[in-house]
Amino acid sequence: MARSFNKRNLTTGDIAKLCGVNFRTVIRWIQRGHLKAFQLPGRGDNRVQVADFIEFLGENNMPIPEELQPTGRRVLIV
């Protein structure tokens, strides 16, 4: 998967593709409290912050997808 994720929040579909599981599995992780998420107003779709997803992967000994790994150095100019 060569696609880069420049988003701060991921959908359950994004996470399912990155983990190679069905999106319902991701929803189950959220419902059971394994993966931190928030619901959007209206339909109540779930979103997961990238940082929370990376933390979840680490806690469950799952590899961090290449698309989510930092690319290059970031410089802070003060």
C-alpha atoms as a PDB file:
ATOM      1  CA  MET A   1       0.000   0.000   0.000  1.00  0.00           C
ATOM      2  CA  ALA A   2       1.840   3.088  -1.194  1.00  0.00           C
ATOM      3  CA  ARG A   3      -0.807   5.550  -0.063  1.00  0.00           C
ATOM      4  CA  SER A   4       0.239   8.059   2.586  1.00  0.00           C
ATOM      5  CA  PHE A   5      -2.057   9.046   5.432  1.00  0.00           C
ATOM      6  CA  ASN A   6      -1.783  12.784   6.023  1.00  0.00           C
ATOM      7  CA  LYS A   7      -4.871  12.792   8.218  1.00  0.00           C
ATOM      8  CA  ARG A   8      -4.966  13.183  11.977  1.00  0.00           C
ATOM      9  CA  ASN A   9      -8.068  10.986  12.252  1.00  0.00           C
ATOM     10  CA  LEU A  10      -8.746   7.609  10.677  1.00  0.00           C
ATOM     11  CA  THR A  11     -12.037   5.919   9.824  1.00  0.00           C
ATOM     12  CA  THR A  12     -12.826   2.350  10.836  1.00  0.00           C
ATOM     13  CA  GLY A  13     -12.381   1.473   7.153  1.00  0.00           C
ATOM     14  CA  ASP A  14      -8.892   3.027   7.081  1.00  0.00           C
ATOM     15  CA  ILE A  15      -7.869   1.047  10.165  1.00  0.00           C
ATOM     16  CA  ALA A  16      -9.374  -2.165   8.791  1.00  0.00           C
ATOM     17  CA  LYS A  17      -7.328  -1.834   5.590  1.00  0.00           C
ATOM     18  CA  LEU A  18      -4.137  -1.034   7.504  1.00  0.00           C
ATOM     19  CA  CYS A  19      -4.603  -4.043   9.831  1.00  0.00           C
ATOM     20  CA  GLY A  20      -5.966  -6.438   7.212  1.00  0.00           C
ATOM     21  CA  VAL A  21      -9.205  -7.047   9.129  1.00  0.00           C
ATOM     22  CA  ASN A  22     -12.900  -6.424   8.537  1.00  0.00           C
ATOM     23  CA  PHE A  23     -14.190  -2.998   9.606  1.00  0.00           C
ATOM     24  CA  ARG A  24     -16.575  -4.747  12.022  1.00  0.00           C
ATOM     25  CA  THR A  25     -13.533  -6.048  13.908  1.00  0.00           C
ATOM     26  CA  VAL A  26     -12.350  -2.457  14.327  1.00  0.00           C
ATOM     27  CA  ILE A  27     -15.790  -1.445  15.628  1.00  0.00           C
ATOM     28  CA  ARG A  28     -15.612  -4.344  18.100  1.00  0.00           C
ATOM     29  CA  TRP A  29     -12.178  -3.135  19.320  1.00  0.00           C
ATOM     30  CA  ILE A  30     -13.719   0.299  19.905  1.00  0.00           C
ATOM     31  CA  GLN A  31     -16.822  -1.061  21.665  1.00  0.00           C
ATOM     32  CA  ARG A  32     -14.716  -3.217  23.980  1.00  0.00           C
ATOM     33  CA  GLY A  33     -12.496  -0.259  24.883  1.00  0.00           C
ATOM     34  CA  HIS A  34      -9.333  -1.626  23.268  1.00  0.00           C
ATOM     35  CA  LEU A  35      -9.108   1.230  20.753  1.00  0.00           C
ATOM     36  CA  LYS A  36      -9.868   4.811  21.751  1.00  0.00           C
ATOM     37  CA  ALA A  37     -12.272   6.583  19.372  1.00  0.00           C
ATOM     38  CA  PHE A  38     -14.797   9.393  19.209  1.00  0.00           C
ATOM     39  CA  GLN A  39     -18.136   9.562  17.436  1.00  0.00           C
ATOM     40  CA  LEU A  40     -19.107  12.185  14.895  1.00  0.00           C
ATOM     41  CA  PRO A  41     -22.384  14.024  15.429  1.00  0.00           C
ATOM     42  CA  GLY A  42     -25.298  12.865  13.317  1.00  0.00           C
ATOM     43  CA  ARG A  43     -24.751   9.311  12.119  1.00  0.00           C
ATOM     44  CA  GLY A  44     -22.279   8.568  14.905  1.00  0.00           C
ATOM     45  CA  ASP A  45     -19.456   7.312  12.701  1.00  0.00           C
ATOM     46  CA  ASN A  46     -16.280   6.512  14.643  1.00  0.00           C
ATOM     47  CA  ARG A  47     -12.970   8.282  14.146  1.00  0.00           C
ATOM     48  CA  VAL A  48      -9.642   7.362  15.713  1.00  0.00           C
ATOM     49  CA  GLN A  49      -6.736   9.743  16.144  1.00  0.00           C
ATOM     50  CA  VAL A  50      -3.566   8.479  14.458  1.00  0.00           C
ATOM     51  CA  ALA A  51      -1.635   8.739  17.751  1.00  0.00           C
ATOM     52  CA  ASP A  52      -4.239   6.563  19.516  1.00  0.00           C
ATOM     53  CA  PHE A  53      -4.105   4.014  16.700  1.00  0.00           C
ATOM     54  CA  ILE A  54      -0.300   3.828  16.863  1.00  0.00           C
ATOM     55  CA  GLU A  55      -0.526   3.376  20.647  1.00  0.00           C
ATOM     56  CA  PHE A  56      -3.063   0.555  20.128  1.00  0.00           C
ATOM     57  CA  LEU A  57      -0.735  -1.155  17.653  1.00  0.00           C
ATOM     58  CA  GLY A  58       2.177  -0.973  20.088  1.00  0.00           C
ATOM     59  CA  GLU A  59       0.123  -2.304  23.002  1.00  0.00           C
ATOM     60  CA  ASN A  60      -0.977  -5.263  20.877  1.00  0.00           C
ATOM     61  CA  ASN A  61       2.447  -6.014  19.350  1.00  0.00           C
ATOM     62  CA  MET A  62       1.203  -5.174  15.867  1.00  0.00           C
ATOM     63  CA  PRO A  63       3.518  -3.557  13.307  1.00  0.00           C
ATOM     64  CA  ILE A  64       3.072   0.134  12.549  1.00  0.00           C
ATOM     65  CA  PRO A  65       2.179   0.464   8.847  1.00  0.00           C
ATOM     66  CA  GLU A  66       4.746   2.235   6.712  1.00  0.00           C
ATOM     67  CA  GLU A  67       2.135   4.841   5.739  1.00  0.00           C
ATOM     68  CA  LEU A  68       1.905   6.016   9.354  1.00  0.00           C
ATOM     69  CA  GLN A  69       5.629   6.139  10.077  1.00  0.00           C
ATOM     70  CA  PRO A  70       7.154   9.607  10.149  1.00  0.00           C
ATOM     71  CA  THR A  71       8.876  10.558   6.917  1.00  0.00           C
ATOM     72  CA  GLY A  72      12.068  12.501   7.302  1.00  0.00           C
ATOM     73  CA  ARG A  73      12.941  14.996   9.965  1.00  0.00           C
ATOM     74  CA  ARG A  74      10.786  17.837  11.161  1.00  0.00           C
ATOM     75  CA  VAL A  75      12.435  21.086  12.147  1.00  0.00           C
ATOM     76  CA  LEU A  76      10.952  23.433  14.716  1.00  0.00           C
ATOM     77  CA  ILE A  77      11.977  27.037  14.142  1.00  0.00           C
ATOM     78  CA  VAL A  78      11.462  29.283  17.135  1.00  0.00           C
END
